[in-house]
Amino acid sequence: MIALNILEIKDFMNKLLCQETFDNFLLREAAVTGSAAWSLDGTLNRDFYSEDELAQEGLAGLDYLPFSMLRPQCFALIRGKRTPSCFKFVFLLSPPNLARTLAQTHSSYSPADIAGLFINLRYQNGTLLLTTGVSYRIFSTDKSLEQEWDSLVKRFLKGHEISFSEL
């Protein structure tokens, strides 16, 4: 796990809410506190969709919705003249991207071993903090996947010209 301070918050928020930068991640949850507190659960409600719709939308096999589907609602909660007092977003890698990441990093783990590769965003007191995390379904003392995930997240940020400093 690493903790990164996002240096240019306004630019980051534009990339988060107005561009497709994070659209391929799944949104596990979001919370925004401003004039009121809002909580968004990204869990896919399978009863809302037919099997055909799940397939058409690329949602089959997912437990959470892609951020691309929820980004407009998140933008609506945050936009305005006043900055929220705090917010939190929890993203995770989709199952296909998890499998691809494990293969590309030559990990000894299988997708069944990993509950999720996470990116957590927390804004509070004028600071935006990004932390990474790996949730395992098995017990392991091997931290190589965590190190690879940390490295991949830093490359992702650099590739999208998001400036940060390590804490």
N, C-alpha and C. Protein backbone atom coordinates (compact mmCIF):
# COMPACT_ATOMS: atom_id res chain seq x y z
N MET A 1 0.84 -1.18 0.00
CA MET A 1 0.00 0.00 0.00
C MET A 1 0.89 1.24 0.00
N ILE A 2 0.50 2.20 -0.81
CA ILE A 2 1.17 3.49 -0.81
C ILE A 2 0.14 4.58 -0.58
N ALA A 3 0.63 5.71 -0.11
CA ALA A 3 -0.20 6.89 0.05
C ALA A 3 0.44 8.00 -0.77
N LEU A 4 -0.36 8.62 -1.62
CA LEU A 4 0.12 9.67 -2.50
C LEU A 4 -0.72 10.93 -2.28
N ASN A 5 -0.04 12.06 -2.20
CA ASN A 5 -0.70 13.34 -2.11
C ASN A 5 -0.87 13.87 -3.54
N ILE A 6 -2.09 14.11 -3.96
CA ILE A 6 -2.34 14.67 -5.29
C ILE A 6 -2.09 16.17 -5.21
N LEU A 7 -1.18 16.65 -6.05
CA LEU A 7 -0.70 18.03 -5.94
C LEU A 7 -1.60 19.05 -6.61
N GLU A 8 -2.12 18.76 -7.77
CA GLU A 8 -2.97 19.71 -8.49
C GLU A 8 -4.42 19.20 -8.46
N ILE A 9 -5.10 19.57 -7.40
CA ILE A 9 -6.43 19.03 -7.13
C ILE A 9 -7.44 19.40 -8.21
N LYS A 10 -7.43 20.65 -8.64
CA LYS A 10 -8.41 21.09 -9.65
C LYS A 10 -8.23 20.30 -10.95
N ASP A 11 -6.99 20.13 -11.40
CA ASP A 11 -6.70 19.35 -12.60
C ASP A 11 -7.13 17.89 -12.40
N PHE A 12 -6.84 17.34 -11.24
CA PHE A 12 -7.23 15.96 -10.96
C PHE A 12 -8.74 15.80 -11.00
N MET A 13 -9.46 16.73 -10.38
CA MET A 13 -10.92 16.64 -10.34
C MET A 13 -11.51 16.74 -11.74
N ASN A 14 -10.91 17.53 -12.59
CA ASN A 14 -11.35 17.61 -13.98
C ASN A 14 -11.16 16.24 -14.65
N LYS A 15 -10.03 15.61 -14.43
CA LYS A 15 -9.76 14.29 -15.02
C LYS A 15 -10.67 13.22 -14.42
N LEU A 16 -10.99 13.35 -13.16
CA LEU A 16 -11.86 12.39 -12.49
C LEU A 16 -13.31 12.51 -12.96
N LEU A 17 -13.83 13.73 -12.99
CA LEU A 17 -15.27 13.93 -13.19
C LEU A 17 -15.68 14.37 -14.59
N CYS A 18 -14.76 14.93 -15.37
CA CYS A 18 -15.12 15.46 -16.68
C CYS A 18 -14.47 14.71 -17.84
N GLN A 19 -13.53 13.85 -17.55
CA GLN A 19 -12.86 13.08 -18.59
C GLN A 19 -13.02 11.59 -18.30
N GLU A 20 -12.55 10.77 -19.20
CA GLU A 20 -12.72 9.32 -19.09
C GLU A 20 -11.58 8.62 -18.37
N THR A 21 -10.76 9.37 -17.67
CA THR A 21 -9.54 8.85 -17.05
C THR A 21 -9.80 7.63 -16.17
N PHE A 22 -10.82 7.66 -15.34
CA PHE A 22 -11.10 6.58 -14.40
C PHE A 22 -12.29 5.71 -14.82
N ASP A 23 -12.77 5.90 -16.04
CA ASP A 23 -13.98 5.21 -16.49
C ASP A 23 -13.87 3.69 -16.54
N ASN A 24 -12.67 3.15 -16.68
CA ASN A 24 -12.53 1.69 -16.76
C ASN A 24 -12.47 1.02 -15.40
N PHE A 25 -12.44 1.81 -14.34
CA PHE A 25 -12.48 1.24 -13.00
C PHE A 25 -13.94 1.03 -12.60
N LEU A 26 -14.15 0.12 -11.67
CA LEU A 26 -15.47 -0.06 -11.08
C LEU A 26 -15.55 0.84 -9.85
N LEU A 27 -16.72 1.39 -9.58
CA LEU A 27 -16.91 2.23 -8.41
C LEU A 27 -17.56 1.39 -7.32
N ARG A 28 -16.83 1.14 -6.28
CA ARG A 28 -17.39 0.37 -5.17
C ARG A 28 -18.28 1.26 -4.32
N GLU A 29 -17.76 2.45 -4.02
CA GLU A 29 -18.57 3.39 -3.23
C GLU A 29 -18.04 4.80 -3.40
N ALA A 30 -18.92 5.75 -3.11
CA ALA A 30 -18.56 7.16 -3.09
C ALA A 30 -19.35 7.82 -1.98
N ALA A 31 -18.73 8.80 -1.35
CA ALA A 31 -19.41 9.59 -0.33
C ALA A 31 -18.97 11.03 -0.50
N VAL A 32 -19.94 11.93 -0.49
CA VAL A 32 -19.67 13.36 -0.66
C VAL A 32 -20.39 14.10 0.47
N THR A 33 -19.65 14.96 1.15
CA THR A 33 -20.24 15.76 2.22
C THR A 33 -20.09 17.23 1.85
N GLY A 34 -21.21 17.88 1.73
CA GLY A 34 -21.27 19.31 1.46
C GLY A 34 -22.37 19.88 2.33
N SER A 35 -23.41 20.44 1.72
CA SER A 35 -24.55 20.94 2.48
C SER A 35 -25.32 19.80 3.13
N ALA A 36 -25.13 18.60 2.58
CA ALA A 36 -25.69 17.37 3.13
C ALA A 36 -24.67 16.27 2.84
N ALA A 37 -24.93 15.11 3.36
CA ALA A 37 -24.04 13.98 3.11
C ALA A 37 -24.73 13.01 2.16
N TRP A 38 -24.02 12.65 1.08
CA TRP A 38 -24.55 11.72 0.10
C TRP A 38 -23.65 10.49 0.07
N SER A 39 -24.29 9.36 -0.08
CA SER A 39 -23.54 8.10 -0.16
C SER A 39 -24.03 7.35 -1.39
N LEU A 40 -23.09 6.86 -2.16
CA LEU A 40 -23.41 6.14 -3.39
C LEU A 40 -22.80 4.74 -3.30
N ASP A 41 -23.62 3.74 -3.41
CA ASP A 41 -23.16 2.35 -3.41
C ASP A 41 -23.11 1.90 -4.86
N GLY A 42 -21.94 1.53 -5.32
CA GLY A 42 -21.77 1.14 -6.71
C GLY A 42 -22.15 -0.30 -7.01
N THR A 43 -22.74 -1.00 -6.06
CA THR A 43 -23.13 -2.39 -6.27
C THR A 43 -24.15 -2.49 -7.40
N LEU A 44 -23.89 -3.38 -8.32
CA LEU A 44 -24.78 -3.61 -9.45
C LEU A 44 -26.07 -4.27 -8.97
N ASN A 45 -27.20 -3.65 -9.27
CA ASN A 45 -28.51 -4.19 -8.95
C ASN A 45 -28.98 -5.03 -10.15
N ARG A 46 -28.73 -6.30 -10.10
CA ARG A 46 -29.03 -7.19 -11.22
C ARG A 46 -30.52 -7.23 -11.56
N ASP A 47 -31.37 -7.01 -10.57
CA ASP A 47 -32.81 -7.03 -10.82
C ASP A 47 -33.27 -5.87 -11.70
N PHE A 48 -32.46 -4.84 -11.80
CA PHE A 48 -32.81 -3.67 -12.61
C PHE A 48 -32.66 -3.95 -14.10
N TYR A 49 -31.81 -4.90 -14.45
CA TYR A 49 -31.48 -5.20 -15.85
C TYR A 49 -31.97 -6.59 -16.25
N SER A 50 -32.32 -6.71 -17.52
CA SER A 50 -32.58 -8.04 -18.07
C SER A 50 -31.22 -8.68 -18.38
N GLU A 51 -31.21 -9.97 -18.63
CA GLU A 51 -29.95 -10.65 -18.98
C GLU A 51 -29.37 -10.07 -20.27
N ASP A 52 -30.24 -9.73 -21.23
CA ASP A 52 -29.78 -9.12 -22.47
C ASP A 52 -29.14 -7.76 -22.22
N GLU A 53 -29.76 -6.95 -21.34
CA GLU A 53 -29.21 -5.64 -21.02
C GLU A 53 -27.85 -5.76 -20.32
N LEU A 54 -27.74 -6.72 -19.42
CA LEU A 54 -26.45 -6.94 -18.74
C LEU A 54 -25.36 -7.24 -19.75
N ALA A 55 -25.68 -8.08 -20.72
CA ALA A 55 -24.69 -8.42 -21.76
C ALA A 55 -24.40 -7.22 -22.65
N GLN A 56 -25.44 -6.51 -23.08
CA GLN A 56 -25.26 -5.34 -23.95
C GLN A 56 -24.43 -4.25 -23.29
N GLU A 57 -24.66 -4.03 -22.01
CA GLU A 57 -23.97 -2.97 -21.28
C GLU A 57 -22.58 -3.41 -20.80
N GLY A 58 -22.23 -4.67 -21.03
CA GLY A 58 -20.93 -5.17 -20.57
C GLY A 58 -20.88 -5.37 -19.06
N LEU A 59 -22.03 -5.62 -18.46
CA LEU A 59 -22.12 -5.75 -17.00
C LEU A 59 -22.15 -7.19 -16.51
N ALA A 60 -22.29 -8.14 -17.43
CA ALA A 60 -22.34 -9.54 -17.03
C ALA A 60 -21.05 -9.90 -16.30
N GLY A 61 -21.18 -10.55 -15.17
CA GLY A 61 -20.01 -10.97 -14.40
C GLY A 61 -19.45 -9.91 -13.48
N LEU A 62 -20.07 -8.72 -13.44
CA LEU A 62 -19.58 -7.66 -12.56
C LEU A 62 -20.43 -7.58 -11.29
N ASP A 63 -19.79 -7.22 -10.20
CA ASP A 63 -20.52 -6.98 -8.94
C ASP A 63 -20.77 -5.49 -8.72
N TYR A 64 -19.95 -4.65 -9.38
CA TYR A 64 -20.05 -3.20 -9.23
C TYR A 64 -20.15 -2.56 -10.60
N LEU A 65 -20.73 -1.37 -10.64
CA LEU A 65 -20.89 -0.64 -11.90
C LEU A 65 -19.60 0.06 -12.29
N PRO A 66 -19.35 0.14 -13.60
CA PRO A 66 -18.21 0.94 -14.06
C PRO A 66 -18.42 2.41 -13.68
N PHE A 67 -17.32 3.08 -13.34
CA PHE A 67 -17.40 4.48 -12.98
C PHE A 67 -18.00 5.31 -14.11
N SER A 68 -17.79 4.89 -15.35
CA SER A 68 -18.34 5.63 -16.49
C SER A 68 -19.86 5.79 -16.38
N MET A 69 -20.53 4.81 -15.78
CA MET A 69 -21.99 4.88 -15.67
C MET A 69 -22.44 5.77 -14.51
N LEU A 70 -21.56 6.00 -13.55
CA LEU A 70 -21.92 6.77 -12.36
C LEU A 70 -21.25 8.15 -12.31
N ARG A 71 -20.32 8.37 -13.21
CA ARG A 71 -19.58 9.64 -13.21
C ARG A 71 -20.51 10.86 -13.28
N PRO A 72 -21.56 10.86 -14.14
CA PRO A 72 -22.44 12.05 -14.18
C PRO A 72 -23.09 12.36 -12.83
N GLN A 73 -23.50 11.33 -12.10
CA GLN A 73 -24.11 11.56 -10.79
C GLN A 73 -23.08 12.09 -9.80
N CYS A 74 -21.87 11.56 -9.86
CA CYS A 74 -20.80 12.05 -8.98
C CYS A 74 -20.47 13.50 -9.28
N PHE A 75 -20.40 13.83 -10.57
CA PHE A 75 -20.14 15.21 -10.98
C PHE A 75 -21.23 16.14 -10.45
N ALA A 76 -22.48 15.71 -10.56
CA ALA A 76 -23.60 16.54 -10.09
C ALA A 76 -23.52 16.79 -8.58
N LEU A 77 -23.02 15.83 -7.83
CA LEU A 77 -22.91 16.00 -6.38
C LEU A 77 -21.79 16.97 -5.99
N ILE A 78 -20.73 17.01 -6.79
CA ILE A 78 -19.55 17.78 -6.42
C ILE A 78 -19.52 19.17 -7.04
N ARG A 79 -20.08 19.32 -8.25
CA ARG A 79 -19.98 20.62 -8.93
C ARG A 79 -20.71 21.69 -8.14
N GLY A 80 -20.32 22.89 -8.40
CA GLY A 80 -20.96 24.02 -7.74
C GLY A 80 -19.93 25.05 -7.35
N LYS A 81 -20.40 26.10 -6.72
CA LYS A 81 -19.52 27.20 -6.34
C LYS A 81 -18.67 26.85 -5.12
N ARG A 82 -19.16 25.96 -4.29
CA ARG A 82 -18.45 25.62 -3.06
C ARG A 82 -17.90 24.21 -3.14
N THR A 83 -16.69 24.07 -2.67
CA THR A 83 -16.04 22.76 -2.62
C THR A 83 -16.65 21.95 -1.49
N PRO A 84 -16.91 20.66 -1.72
CA PRO A 84 -17.40 19.82 -0.62
C PRO A 84 -16.40 19.84 0.54
N SER A 85 -16.89 19.66 1.75
CA SER A 85 -15.98 19.63 2.89
C SER A 85 -15.13 18.36 2.85
N CYS A 86 -15.69 17.28 2.32
CA CYS A 86 -14.90 16.07 2.12
C CYS A 86 -15.61 15.15 1.13
N PHE A 87 -14.85 14.25 0.55
CA PHE A 87 -15.42 13.19 -0.28
C PHE A 87 -14.49 12.01 -0.29
N LYS A 88 -15.07 10.88 -0.68
CA LYS A 88 -14.31 9.63 -0.75
C LYS A 88 -14.82 8.83 -1.95
N PHE A 89 -13.89 8.26 -2.70
CA PHE A 89 -14.21 7.34 -3.79
C PHE A 89 -13.38 6.08 -3.59
N VAL A 90 -14.01 4.95 -3.78
CA VAL A 90 -13.29 3.67 -3.72
C VAL A 90 -13.49 2.98 -5.07
N PHE A 91 -12.38 2.86 -5.82
CA PHE A 91 -12.38 2.22 -7.13
C PHE A 91 -11.73 0.85 -7.03
N LEU A 92 -12.15 -0.05 -7.90
CA LEU A 92 -11.44 -1.31 -8.01
C LEU A 92 -11.34 -1.74 -9.45
N LEU A 93 -10.35 -2.57 -9.69
CA LEU A 93 -10.10 -3.08 -11.03
C LEU A 93 -11.18 -4.08 -11.40
N SER A 94 -11.66 -4.04 -12.63
CA SER A 94 -12.67 -4.99 -13.09
C SER A 94 -12.06 -6.38 -13.19
N PRO A 95 -12.88 -7.44 -13.15
CA PRO A 95 -12.34 -8.81 -13.26
C PRO A 95 -11.47 -9.03 -14.49
N PRO A 96 -11.86 -8.56 -15.70
CA PRO A 96 -10.97 -8.76 -16.84
C PRO A 96 -9.63 -8.02 -16.69
N ASN A 97 -9.68 -6.80 -16.15
CA ASN A 97 -8.44 -6.05 -15.94
C ASN A 97 -7.59 -6.66 -14.82
N LEU A 98 -8.23 -7.24 -13.81
CA LEU A 98 -7.51 -7.94 -12.77
C LEU A 98 -6.75 -9.13 -13.37
N ALA A 99 -7.44 -9.93 -14.17
CA ALA A 99 -6.81 -11.10 -14.80
C ALA A 99 -5.65 -10.66 -15.70
N ARG A 100 -5.86 -9.60 -16.46
CA ARG A 100 -4.81 -9.09 -17.36
C ARG A 100 -3.61 -8.59 -16.55
N THR A 101 -3.87 -7.89 -15.46
CA THR A 101 -2.80 -7.37 -14.61
C THR A 101 -2.00 -8.50 -13.99
N LEU A 102 -2.68 -9.52 -13.51
CA LEU A 102 -1.97 -10.66 -12.92
C LEU A 102 -1.10 -11.35 -13.96
N ALA A 103 -1.61 -11.49 -15.17
CA ALA A 103 -0.84 -12.14 -16.24
C ALA A 103 0.36 -11.28 -16.64
N GLN A 104 0.15 -9.98 -16.81
CA GLN A 104 1.23 -9.09 -17.25
C GLN A 104 2.34 -8.97 -16.22
N THR A 105 1.99 -9.07 -14.94
CA THR A 105 3.00 -8.95 -13.88
C THR A 105 3.59 -10.31 -13.51
N HIS A 106 3.16 -11.36 -14.21
CA HIS A 106 3.64 -12.72 -13.95
C HIS A 106 3.43 -13.11 -12.48
N SER A 107 2.29 -12.71 -11.95
CA SER A 107 1.98 -12.98 -10.56
C SER A 107 1.69 -14.46 -10.34
N SER A 108 2.03 -14.93 -9.17
CA SER A 108 1.72 -16.32 -8.82
C SER A 108 0.27 -16.47 -8.36
N TYR A 109 -0.42 -15.34 -8.19
CA TYR A 109 -1.82 -15.37 -7.77
C TYR A 109 -2.74 -15.58 -8.96
N SER A 110 -3.88 -16.20 -8.70
CA SER A 110 -4.92 -16.32 -9.72
C SER A 110 -6.02 -15.31 -9.38
N PRO A 111 -6.88 -14.98 -10.34
CA PRO A 111 -7.98 -14.05 -10.04
C PRO A 111 -8.86 -14.54 -8.87
N ALA A 112 -8.96 -15.84 -8.68
CA ALA A 112 -9.76 -16.37 -7.57
C ALA A 112 -9.13 -16.06 -6.22
N ASP A 113 -7.83 -15.79 -6.19
CA ASP A 113 -7.12 -15.49 -4.94
C ASP A 113 -7.31 -14.05 -4.48
N ILE A 114 -7.73 -13.18 -5.40
CA ILE A 114 -7.75 -11.73 -5.13
C ILE A 114 -9.19 -11.22 -5.12
N ALA A 115 -9.58 -10.58 -4.03
CA ALA A 115 -10.91 -9.97 -3.94
C ALA A 115 -10.95 -8.63 -4.66
N GLY A 116 -9.80 -7.94 -4.73
CA GLY A 116 -9.78 -6.67 -5.44
C GLY A 116 -8.46 -5.93 -5.34
N LEU A 117 -8.18 -5.16 -6.39
CA LEU A 117 -7.09 -4.20 -6.40
C LEU A 117 -7.75 -2.83 -6.36
N PHE A 118 -7.46 -2.04 -5.34
CA PHE A 118 -8.21 -0.84 -5.04
C PHE A 118 -7.40 0.44 -5.19
N ILE A 119 -8.11 1.50 -5.54
CA ILE A 119 -7.61 2.87 -5.45
C ILE A 119 -8.63 3.62 -4.60
N ASN A 120 -8.16 4.22 -3.52
CA ASN A 120 -9.01 4.98 -2.62
C ASN A 120 -8.64 6.45 -2.72
N LEU A 121 -9.63 7.29 -2.90
CA LEU A 121 -9.43 8.74 -2.94
C LEU A 121 -10.15 9.35 -1.76
N ARG A 122 -9.46 10.25 -1.05
CA ARG A 122 -10.08 10.94 0.08
C ARG A 122 -9.67 12.40 0.06
N TYR A 123 -10.67 13.28 -0.01
CA TYR A 123 -10.44 14.72 0.05
C TYR A 123 -10.95 15.22 1.38
N GLN A 124 -10.07 15.94 2.10
CA GLN A 124 -10.47 16.51 3.38
C GLN A 124 -9.47 17.59 3.76
N ASN A 125 -9.95 18.68 4.30
CA ASN A 125 -9.10 19.80 4.74
C ASN A 125 -8.18 20.30 3.63
N GLY A 126 -8.69 20.35 2.41
CA GLY A 126 -7.91 20.88 1.29
C GLY A 126 -6.85 19.95 0.75
N THR A 127 -6.82 18.71 1.20
CA THR A 127 -5.83 17.73 0.76
C THR A 127 -6.53 16.55 0.10
N LEU A 128 -5.98 16.11 -1.03
CA LEU A 128 -6.51 14.95 -1.72
C LEU A 128 -5.48 13.83 -1.63
N LEU A 129 -5.85 12.76 -0.99
CA LEU A 129 -4.98 11.63 -0.74
C LEU A 129 -5.45 10.42 -1.55
N LEU A 130 -4.53 9.78 -2.22
CA LEU A 130 -4.80 8.55 -2.95
C LEU A 130 -4.03 7.43 -2.27
N THR A 131 -4.72 6.36 -1.92
CA THR A 131 -4.06 5.19 -1.37
C THR A 131 -4.41 3.98 -2.23
N THR A 132 -3.52 3.02 -2.23
CA THR A 132 -3.76 1.78 -2.97
C THR A 132 -3.99 0.67 -1.97
N GLY A 133 -4.57 -0.41 -2.46
CA GLY A 133 -4.78 -1.56 -1.59
C GLY A 133 -5.04 -2.82 -2.39
N VAL A 134 -4.74 -3.93 -1.77
CA VAL A 134 -5.01 -5.25 -2.35
C VAL A 134 -5.78 -6.02 -1.29
N SER A 135 -6.89 -6.61 -1.69
CA SER A 135 -7.67 -7.46 -0.80
C SER A 135 -7.56 -8.90 -1.30
N TYR A 136 -7.10 -9.76 -0.40
CA TYR A 136 -6.88 -11.17 -0.74
C TYR A 136 -8.03 -12.04 -0.24
N ARG A 137 -8.29 -13.10 -0.97
CA ARG A 137 -9.24 -14.11 -0.52
C ARG A 137 -8.52 -15.24 0.21
N ILE A 138 -7.21 -15.24 0.12
CA ILE A 138 -6.38 -16.27 0.75
C ILE A 138 -5.38 -15.58 1.67
N PHE A 139 -4.77 -16.36 2.55
CA PHE A 139 -3.70 -15.82 3.38
C PHE A 139 -2.39 -15.92 2.62
N SER A 140 -1.63 -14.84 2.64
CA SER A 140 -0.32 -14.85 1.99
C SER A 140 0.58 -13.82 2.64
N THR A 141 1.84 -14.17 2.76
CA THR A 141 2.83 -13.21 3.24
C THR A 141 3.58 -12.56 2.07
N ASP A 142 3.29 -13.03 0.85
CA ASP A 142 3.93 -12.50 -0.36
C ASP A 142 3.33 -11.13 -0.69
N LYS A 143 4.14 -10.11 -0.68
CA LYS A 143 3.69 -8.74 -0.94
C LYS A 143 4.05 -8.27 -2.35
N SER A 144 4.47 -9.17 -3.22
CA SER A 144 4.89 -8.77 -4.57
C SER A 144 3.75 -8.15 -5.37
N LEU A 145 2.53 -8.65 -5.22
CA LEU A 145 1.41 -8.08 -5.95
C LEU A 145 1.14 -6.65 -5.50
N GLU A 146 1.24 -6.42 -4.21
CA GLU A 146 1.03 -5.06 -3.70
C GLU A 146 2.07 -4.10 -4.28
N GLN A 147 3.30 -4.54 -4.34
CA GLN A 147 4.36 -3.69 -4.92
C GLN A 147 4.10 -3.44 -6.40
N GLU A 148 3.68 -4.46 -7.13
CA GLU A 148 3.36 -4.29 -8.56
C GLU A 148 2.19 -3.34 -8.74
N TRP A 149 1.14 -3.50 -7.92
CA TRP A 149 -0.03 -2.65 -8.02
C TRP A 149 0.34 -1.19 -7.73
N ASP A 150 1.14 -0.97 -6.71
CA ASP A 150 1.60 0.38 -6.38
C ASP A 150 2.33 0.99 -7.57
N SER A 151 3.20 0.22 -8.17
CA SER A 151 3.97 0.69 -9.33
C SER A 151 3.05 1.00 -10.51
N LEU A 152 2.08 0.12 -10.76
CA LEU A 152 1.14 0.35 -11.87
C LEU A 152 0.30 1.60 -11.65
N VAL A 153 -0.13 1.84 -10.43
CA VAL A 153 -0.93 3.04 -10.14
C VAL A 153 -0.10 4.29 -10.37
N LYS A 154 1.14 4.28 -9.94
CA LYS A 154 2.01 5.45 -10.17
C LYS A 154 2.22 5.68 -11.66
N ARG A 155 2.40 4.61 -12.42
CA ARG A 155 2.54 4.75 -13.88
C ARG A 155 1.26 5.27 -14.51
N PHE A 156 0.12 4.79 -14.04
CA PHE A 156 -1.18 5.27 -14.51
C PHE A 156 -1.30 6.77 -14.29
N LEU A 157 -0.96 7.23 -13.10
CA LEU A 157 -1.04 8.66 -12.79
C LEU A 157 -0.09 9.47 -13.66
N LYS A 158 1.13 9.01 -13.78
CA LYS A 158 2.10 9.72 -14.62
C LYS A 158 1.64 9.74 -16.07
N GLY A 159 1.10 8.63 -16.56
CA GLY A 159 0.61 8.55 -17.93
C GLY A 159 -0.52 9.51 -18.21
N HIS A 160 -1.27 9.85 -17.18
CA HIS A 160 -2.38 10.81 -17.32
C HIS A 160 -2.00 12.20 -16.81
N GLU A 161 -0.70 12.39 -16.64
CA GLU A 161 -0.16 13.69 -16.22
C GLU A 161 -0.80 14.20 -14.94
N ILE A 162 -0.92 13.30 -13.97
CA ILE A 162 -1.44 13.64 -12.65
C ILE A 162 -0.24 13.71 -11.70
N SER A 163 0.00 14.91 -11.18
CA SER A 163 1.17 15.08 -10.32
C SER A 163 0.84 14.68 -8.89
N PHE A 164 1.84 14.06 -8.25
CA PHE A 164 1.66 13.55 -6.89
C PHE A 164 2.99 13.55 -6.17
N SER A 165 2.92 13.46 -4.87
CA SER A 165 4.12 13.23 -4.06
C SER A 165 3.81 12.05 -3.12
N GLU A 166 4.84 11.28 -2.85
CA GLU A 166 4.65 10.13 -1.96
C GLU A 166 4.73 10.59 -0.52
N LEU A 167 3.89 10.00 0.30
CA LEU A 167 3.91 10.32 1.74
C LEU A 167 4.64 9.23 2.49
